[in-house]
Amino acid sequence: MLQNITQKYNSAQEQISEHIKQADCLIKLGNKNMECFESFINNNNNNNMCHCSSTTTFIRKLSRQNRQHSPNINVTAIDNHNIKLINIVHQNIQGFSSKELEIELFLSCCNIDILWITEHWRKSHQLQFSFREHKVVSSFCRSRAIHGGSLIIINNRLKCKNRRDIVNLSIEQLIEVACIELEQFIIVSVYRPPTASYEQFQHRMEEVLSKFSKTSKSIIVCGDFNINLLEPSANCTSLKNLFQSFNLFNVFWEPTRITSTTATCLDNIFTDVTVTSKLIINNLQSDHSGQLIKVNTRLDNVRPKKVKIIPVTGSRLERFRNNLVNTIPFLHCGETANFHYNLVFNSFCEEFDRIFTPVTVTVNNKHSFNDWATMGIHKSRKRLYDLYYEKHYNNSEEFKIYVKKYSKLFKIVCHEAKTRFIADKIKNSNNKVKATWSVINNETGRSNCRNTSICLNINNRVINSEIEIANEFDKYFSEIPIVTTKFLNSSPKAAYDMLKLHVPVSSTDLKFKYVSEVAI
């Protein structure tokens, strides 16, 4: 008898030791969740923007030094929960080829809503692609010459339309324009080649701006004008006067193209919008720097996502540890091991639920990481951003070769990672043909985002169930002949009399005879 009790006691002690180990593992997991939660909150507060530390410090200094030179642009910080910020970037990319994955990472990681690209160097048939969260909406491509071009990439959640009437005003190798219209803004991307006649460019640019003279929407014009605004000249003065006559003022006075001997401001953004913040960025491979602005807009069609999480803080963990010591029940020797396990486990769960209460958090931004990009790729991307920035002032040939090799290797790694991700996605799919076509449509830009939330108002009763909506459509189309003819004085005899009155009798006699299969 004593031996059995001893065995049960030892078994219970082993179970308790195992529970203590599991509790320690849960506490470690809680600490990790607490770090993730704090990182998640900080990312939300920072708008999920991705900056390189050295670049950000340099640009902020330049912005503070040059802000006094742009009195016409109001740079303010507005804190209003009803107003959303959209991030808009212009970048002269110097060739789109082999940079698709790099641009996709930049769009998602830096939370870019609209990206203007000049000098994409592609033909119209080469723009049949899309990204995970963005798509090409408007573009101009050269048909005869090479290089040049202008396009606009926009987030799928923003509603817009392509202004083809503005794009059609483009003249190859003179002024190359892409244009979209949003609910509150009209956005134009312009590329003027350095060899283009300025007088002809100015005449056509004025024609483009005149199209917006009667609109009540705000105008944002960006592009590579190949006119240095930092150097007084006749073309510089004329360009600024042209935009100012339409109440559009340039945002940037910083250099956007830096070489070993020059620093010029060739790229700029002209707008009548209040810009909340602005930044010169060097996140993409090009000899031009990018320009980022943030503007306020009311995005009524963007629904914030609500998620339920359990915050794990240090104080809660301490309370949980202390309470566990006092609440773990005494285990009697006469009971089974299963009974002891359930007793301890239930006590553990009750205390956990009492201390770690869930809270609901509103998430306005999507996760910034791509499905196929690993943490190592994101670290390499940040390193590449630093190298692009250093390239502006480091003219060593050895360093330039290093950056070129690093960039080439980064593209190969990205291509391999995305290839493996797509291969695994198709391999693990239950319907491989459907998964393959889904990948093809996403990569070629043929997938359309459909709004599946449909509501019908039937006799002052709102229905949103798919089955009820289908039944209402079936009822409507099955009853429409009866409903539309029930008030007509109609009968088979009246229909026959109407035919005899209005349709003449045919005088041609038709005769039928048998024809065999062989004759046919």
Foldseek 3Di string as FASTA:
>chain_A
DVVLLVVLVVLLVVLVVVVVVVVVVVVVVQVVVQVVVVVVVVCQVVVLADAQVVQVVVFVVVCVVCVVVFPLAAAAADDDPQKDKAKEKEDAFQAQPLCVLLVLLNCQNRVHFKYKYWFNFDDPVVQLFAHPFKHWAWWDDDDPDTTTIITMIGGQLFDKHWPVVLQVLDDPQAKGKTWIDGPAEIEMEIEHDLPHDLVVNLVSVLVSLVVCLPPPHKYKYWYQQNDFCQDDDPSNVVVQVSLVVSPWHWDDPFFFAFAQPDGGNRITMIINFRWNDKTWFQLHDDRTTMIMTMGIDRSVSQDWDKDKDFNRDPVLSVVLVVVLVVQQDDDDSVDHSVVSSVSRVVSSVVSCCVRGPIDMDTHRGDDSDDPQDDPVLVVLSSVLRVLSVVVSHDPDPVSVVVSVVSVVVSSVVSVVSVVVVLVVQLVPDPDNVVSVVVVVCNGSVNDHDDDLQDWDQDVNDIDRDPVVVVVVVVVCVVCVVCVVPVPPPDDPVVVVVVCPVPPDDDPDDDDDDDDDPVND
